[in-house]
């Protein structure tokens, strides 16, 4: 079976399964200073496995997307919004505008 014929989420799941027990790759991921370095390690692993994942695929697909956010110390949720980060970036509403009826949290003061 050709992995390139699978959906992006299936290929990401294959990558995650391949990382389980891959000592050198996991050590390289742990040594990364930020999310960009992690993406480079993951792109290399993807190419070695023939998964043909792009940088955008890794940045947009869980659980790897969440690992990168965690490494960059970016919150998955923000207080007052209670929406996952991937739903806050404007992809879920036209032109990046908040949906009707949604209130913004403006702070306590």
N, C-alpha and C. Protein backbone atom coordinates (compact mmCIF):
# COMPACT_ATOMS: atom_id res chain seq x y z
N UNK A 1 0.84 -1.17 0.00
CA UNK A 1 0.00 0.00 0.00
C UNK A 1 0.89 1.25 0.00
N UNK A 2 0.55 2.21 -0.83
CA UNK A 2 1.30 3.45 -0.95
C UNK A 2 0.82 4.44 0.11
N UNK A 3 1.68 4.83 1.06
CA UNK A 3 1.25 5.76 2.10
C UNK A 3 0.78 7.11 1.55
N UNK A 4 1.29 7.50 0.40
CA UNK A 4 0.90 8.79 -0.17
C UNK A 4 -0.57 8.81 -0.57
N UNK A 5 -1.17 7.64 -0.74
CA UNK A 5 -2.59 7.59 -1.13
C UNK A 5 -3.51 7.75 0.08
N UNK A 6 -2.95 7.72 1.29
CA UNK A 6 -3.74 7.87 2.50
C UNK A 6 -4.02 9.35 2.78
N UNK A 7 -5.01 9.61 3.62
CA UNK A 7 -5.30 10.99 4.00
C UNK A 7 -4.18 11.53 4.88
N UNK A 8 -4.14 12.85 5.03
CA UNK A 8 -3.09 13.47 5.84
C UNK A 8 -3.14 12.97 7.27
N UNK A 9 -4.33 12.90 7.85
CA UNK A 9 -4.42 12.44 9.24
C UNK A 9 -3.96 10.99 9.39
N UNK A 10 -4.22 10.15 8.42
CA UNK A 10 -3.75 8.77 8.48
C UNK A 10 -2.23 8.71 8.38
N UNK A 11 -1.65 9.55 7.51
CA UNK A 11 -0.19 9.58 7.40
C UNK A 11 0.46 10.12 8.67
N UNK A 12 -0.17 11.13 9.30
CA UNK A 12 0.35 11.64 10.56
C UNK A 12 0.28 10.56 11.63
N UNK A 13 -0.81 9.81 11.66
CA UNK A 13 -0.92 8.71 12.63
C UNK A 13 0.16 7.67 12.40
N UNK A 14 0.48 7.37 11.15
CA UNK A 14 1.57 6.44 10.86
C UNK A 14 2.90 6.98 11.37
N UNK A 15 3.11 8.28 11.19
CA UNK A 15 4.35 8.90 11.69
C UNK A 15 4.42 8.80 13.21
N UNK A 16 3.32 9.09 13.89
CA UNK A 16 3.29 9.01 15.35
C UNK A 16 3.59 7.59 15.81
N UNK A 17 3.00 6.60 15.15
CA UNK A 17 3.27 5.20 15.53
C UNK A 17 4.73 4.84 15.29
N UNK A 18 5.31 5.36 14.20
CA UNK A 18 6.70 5.06 13.90
C UNK A 18 7.64 5.71 14.91
N UNK A 19 7.23 6.84 15.49
CA UNK A 19 8.07 7.51 16.49
C UNK A 19 8.11 6.76 17.81
N UNK A 20 7.12 5.92 18.06
CA UNK A 20 7.09 5.14 19.29
C UNK A 20 8.23 4.13 19.26
N UNK A 21 9.19 4.34 20.12
CA UNK A 21 10.33 3.43 20.19
C UNK A 21 11.52 3.85 19.33
N UNK A 22 11.38 4.93 18.55
CA UNK A 22 12.49 5.41 17.72
C UNK A 22 13.38 6.30 18.59
N UNK A 23 14.36 5.68 19.23
CA UNK A 23 15.16 6.36 20.25
C UNK A 23 15.88 7.59 19.72
N UNK A 24 16.58 7.48 18.60
CA UNK A 24 17.35 8.62 18.08
C UNK A 24 16.44 9.77 17.67
N UNK A 25 15.33 9.48 17.04
CA UNK A 25 14.40 10.54 16.62
C UNK A 25 13.79 11.22 17.84
N UNK A 26 13.41 10.43 18.83
CA UNK A 26 12.84 11.02 20.05
C UNK A 26 13.86 11.87 20.81
N UNK A 27 15.12 11.44 20.81
CA UNK A 27 16.16 12.25 21.44
C UNK A 27 16.36 13.56 20.68
N UNK A 28 16.30 13.48 19.34
CA UNK A 28 16.43 14.70 18.53
C UNK A 28 15.25 15.64 18.78
N UNK A 29 14.05 15.09 18.91
CA UNK A 29 12.88 15.92 19.19
C UNK A 29 12.99 16.58 20.57
N UNK A 30 13.47 15.84 21.55
CA UNK A 30 13.61 16.37 22.90
C UNK A 30 14.67 17.47 22.96
N UNK A 31 15.68 17.39 22.10
CA UNK A 31 16.76 18.38 22.09
C UNK A 31 16.39 19.65 21.32
N UNK A 32 15.28 19.64 20.61
CA UNK A 32 14.86 20.81 19.83
C UNK A 32 14.55 21.98 20.76
N UNK A 33 14.96 23.16 20.34
CA UNK A 33 14.74 24.36 21.16
C UNK A 33 13.38 25.00 20.91
N UNK A 34 12.79 24.73 19.75
CA UNK A 34 11.49 25.32 19.44
C UNK A 34 10.73 24.43 18.46
N UNK A 35 9.54 24.86 18.12
CA UNK A 35 8.69 24.09 17.22
C UNK A 35 9.25 23.95 15.82
N UNK A 36 9.94 24.98 15.34
CA UNK A 36 10.52 24.92 13.99
C UNK A 36 11.56 23.80 13.87
N UNK A 37 12.36 23.66 14.90
CA UNK A 37 13.36 22.59 14.91
C UNK A 37 12.67 21.23 14.94
N UNK A 38 11.57 21.14 15.68
CA UNK A 38 10.80 19.89 15.72
C UNK A 38 10.24 19.55 14.34
N UNK A 39 9.74 20.57 13.65
CA UNK A 39 9.18 20.35 12.31
C UNK A 39 10.25 19.78 11.38
N UNK A 40 11.47 20.30 11.47
CA UNK A 40 12.55 19.80 10.62
C UNK A 40 12.84 18.33 10.91
N UNK A 41 12.88 17.95 12.18
CA UNK A 41 13.13 16.55 12.55
C UNK A 41 11.98 15.67 12.04
N UNK A 42 10.75 16.15 12.21
CA UNK A 42 9.59 15.37 11.78
C UNK A 42 9.50 15.27 10.26
N UNK A 43 9.88 16.33 9.54
CA UNK A 43 9.91 16.26 8.08
C UNK A 43 10.92 15.22 7.60
N UNK A 44 12.08 15.18 8.28
CA UNK A 44 13.09 14.19 7.93
C UNK A 44 12.57 12.77 8.18
N UNK A 45 11.92 12.57 9.32
CA UNK A 45 11.35 11.24 9.63
C UNK A 45 10.27 10.87 8.61
N UNK A 46 9.45 11.84 8.24
CA UNK A 46 8.39 11.60 7.26
C UNK A 46 8.97 11.19 5.91
N UNK A 47 10.02 11.88 5.50
CA UNK A 47 10.61 11.55 4.20
C UNK A 47 11.27 10.17 4.23
N UNK A 48 11.92 9.81 5.35
CA UNK A 48 12.53 8.49 5.46
C UNK A 48 11.49 7.37 5.40
N UNK A 49 10.27 7.67 5.91
CA UNK A 49 9.19 6.68 5.89
C UNK A 49 8.38 6.71 4.60
N UNK A 50 8.65 7.70 3.74
CA UNK A 50 7.92 7.82 2.48
C UNK A 50 6.50 8.33 2.65
N UNK A 51 6.25 9.10 3.71
CA UNK A 51 4.89 9.58 3.99
C UNK A 51 4.54 10.86 3.24
N UNK A 52 5.55 11.57 2.76
CA UNK A 52 5.34 12.79 1.97
C UNK A 52 4.48 13.82 2.69
N UNK A 53 4.74 14.02 3.95
CA UNK A 53 4.03 15.06 4.71
C UNK A 53 4.74 16.39 4.50
N UNK A 54 3.97 17.44 4.34
CA UNK A 54 4.53 18.78 4.17
C UNK A 54 4.61 19.49 5.52
N UNK A 55 5.31 20.60 5.53
CA UNK A 55 5.40 21.43 6.73
C UNK A 55 4.00 21.84 7.18
N UNK A 56 3.15 22.23 6.23
CA UNK A 56 1.79 22.65 6.56
C UNK A 56 0.97 21.49 7.13
N UNK A 57 1.18 20.28 6.60
CA UNK A 57 0.48 19.10 7.13
C UNK A 57 0.81 18.90 8.61
N UNK A 58 2.08 19.05 8.95
CA UNK A 58 2.51 18.86 10.34
C UNK A 58 2.00 19.97 11.25
N UNK A 59 1.97 21.20 10.74
CA UNK A 59 1.53 22.33 11.55
C UNK A 59 0.03 22.38 11.75
N UNK A 60 -0.73 21.65 10.92
CA UNK A 60 -2.19 21.74 10.98
C UNK A 60 -2.88 20.48 11.49
N UNK A 61 -2.15 19.39 11.68
CA UNK A 61 -2.79 18.12 12.01
C UNK A 61 -2.40 17.64 13.41
N UNK A 62 -3.42 17.39 14.26
CA UNK A 62 -3.11 16.83 15.59
C UNK A 62 -2.64 15.40 15.46
N UNK A 63 -1.89 14.87 16.35
CA UNK A 63 -1.38 15.46 17.59
C UNK A 63 -0.08 16.24 17.40
N UNK A 64 0.52 16.15 16.24
CA UNK A 64 1.81 16.82 16.04
C UNK A 64 1.65 18.33 16.16
N UNK A 65 0.57 18.87 15.63
CA UNK A 65 0.30 20.30 15.75
C UNK A 65 0.35 20.72 17.22
N UNK A 66 -0.25 19.92 18.09
CA UNK A 66 -0.29 20.22 19.52
C UNK A 66 1.10 20.11 20.16
N UNK A 67 1.90 19.14 19.70
CA UNK A 67 3.26 19.01 20.22
C UNK A 67 4.06 20.26 19.91
N UNK A 68 3.90 20.76 18.68
CA UNK A 68 4.64 21.95 18.25
C UNK A 68 4.20 23.16 19.07
N UNK A 69 2.90 23.31 19.27
CA UNK A 69 2.42 24.42 20.10
C UNK A 69 2.97 24.31 21.51
N UNK A 70 3.00 23.10 22.05
CA UNK A 70 3.51 22.89 23.41
C UNK A 70 4.98 23.25 23.48
N UNK A 71 5.74 22.85 22.48
CA UNK A 71 7.18 23.15 22.46
C UNK A 71 7.40 24.65 22.37
N UNK A 72 6.53 25.37 21.65
CA UNK A 72 6.64 26.82 21.52
C UNK A 72 6.01 27.54 22.72
N UNK A 73 5.51 26.75 23.68
CA UNK A 73 4.86 27.29 24.88
C UNK A 73 3.66 28.17 24.53
N UNK A 74 2.90 27.75 23.53
CA UNK A 74 1.68 28.44 23.15
C UNK A 74 0.50 27.68 23.73
N UNK A 75 -0.44 28.38 24.25
CA UNK A 75 -1.60 27.76 24.89
C UNK A 75 -2.51 27.10 23.86
N UNK A 76 -3.04 25.93 24.22
CA UNK A 76 -4.01 25.27 23.36
C UNK A 76 -5.39 25.91 23.51
N UNK A 77 -5.65 26.47 24.68
CA UNK A 77 -6.88 27.22 24.95
C UNK A 77 -6.49 28.57 25.52
N UNK A 78 -7.30 29.58 25.27
CA UNK A 78 -7.06 30.86 25.92
C UNK A 78 -8.23 31.17 26.83
N UNK A 79 -7.95 31.78 27.95
CA UNK A 79 -8.99 32.08 28.94
C UNK A 79 -10.02 33.00 28.32
N UNK A 80 -11.28 32.67 28.56
CA UNK A 80 -12.37 33.49 28.06
C UNK A 80 -12.89 33.05 26.72
N UNK A 81 -12.10 32.34 25.97
CA UNK A 81 -12.54 31.91 24.64
C UNK A 81 -13.06 30.48 24.68
N UNK A 82 -12.42 29.62 25.45
CA UNK A 82 -12.79 28.23 25.61
C UNK A 82 -12.92 27.50 24.27
N UNK A 83 -12.13 27.89 23.32
CA UNK A 83 -12.11 27.21 22.03
C UNK A 83 -10.70 26.72 21.76
N UNK A 84 -10.55 25.53 21.22
CA UNK A 84 -9.21 25.05 20.89
C UNK A 84 -8.49 26.02 19.97
N UNK A 85 -7.20 26.08 20.11
CA UNK A 85 -6.37 27.02 19.35
C UNK A 85 -6.61 26.93 17.86
N UNK A 86 -6.76 25.70 17.33
CA UNK A 86 -6.92 25.56 15.89
C UNK A 86 -8.25 26.14 15.40
N UNK A 87 -9.20 26.39 16.30
CA UNK A 87 -10.45 27.02 15.90
C UNK A 87 -10.40 28.53 16.11
N UNK A 88 -9.35 29.04 16.72
CA UNK A 88 -9.24 30.46 16.98
C UNK A 88 -8.52 31.21 15.87
N UNK A 89 -7.88 30.50 14.98
CA UNK A 89 -7.03 31.18 14.00
C UNK A 89 -7.77 31.69 12.78
N UNK A 90 -9.10 31.66 12.77
CA UNK A 90 -9.86 32.25 11.69
C UNK A 90 -10.25 31.31 10.58
N UNK A 91 -9.82 30.07 10.65
CA UNK A 91 -10.17 29.14 9.57
C UNK A 91 -11.61 28.69 9.64
N UNK A 92 -12.25 28.86 10.81
CA UNK A 92 -13.61 28.34 10.95
C UNK A 92 -14.68 29.38 10.64
N UNK A 93 -14.30 30.63 10.41
CA UNK A 93 -15.29 31.66 10.08
C UNK A 93 -14.85 32.40 8.82
N UNK A 94 -15.78 32.95 8.06
CA UNK A 94 -15.40 33.67 6.85
C UNK A 94 -14.56 34.89 7.17
N UNK A 95 -13.51 35.07 6.43
CA UNK A 95 -12.62 36.22 6.53
C UNK A 95 -12.01 36.38 7.91
N UNK A 96 -11.99 35.32 8.71
CA UNK A 96 -11.36 35.36 10.01
C UNK A 96 -12.14 36.15 11.05
N UNK A 97 -13.38 36.50 10.78
CA UNK A 97 -14.19 37.25 11.74
C UNK A 97 -14.83 36.31 12.73
N UNK A 98 -15.01 36.76 13.97
CA UNK A 98 -15.69 35.92 14.95
C UNK A 98 -17.13 35.66 14.53
N UNK A 99 -17.63 34.50 14.87
CA UNK A 99 -18.99 34.17 14.50
C UNK A 99 -19.98 35.06 15.25
N UNK A 100 -21.17 35.23 14.67
CA UNK A 100 -22.20 36.08 15.27
C UNK A 100 -22.56 35.53 16.65
N UNK A 101 -22.80 36.44 17.59
CA UNK A 101 -23.20 36.03 18.92
C UNK A 101 -22.05 35.66 19.83
N UNK A 102 -20.85 35.63 19.33
CA UNK A 102 -19.69 35.27 20.13
C UNK A 102 -19.13 36.52 20.79
N UNK A 103 -18.96 36.48 22.09
CA UNK A 103 -18.45 37.62 22.81
C UNK A 103 -16.94 37.49 23.02
N UNK A 104 -16.28 38.60 22.96
CA UNK A 104 -14.83 38.65 23.20
C UNK A 104 -14.57 38.90 24.68
N UNK A 105 -13.56 38.28 25.20
CA UNK A 105 -13.13 38.52 26.57
C UNK A 105 -12.16 39.69 26.54
N UNK A 106 -12.52 40.78 27.17
CA UNK A 106 -11.70 41.99 27.11
C UNK A 106 -10.86 42.21 28.35
N UNK A 107 -10.94 41.34 29.31
CA UNK A 107 -10.13 41.46 30.51
C UNK A 107 -10.98 41.84 31.70
N UNK A 108 -10.37 41.88 32.85
CA UNK A 108 -11.09 42.16 34.08
C UNK A 108 -11.21 43.64 34.38
N UNK A 109 -10.34 44.47 33.84
CA UNK A 109 -10.35 45.90 34.17
C UNK A 109 -10.62 46.76 32.96
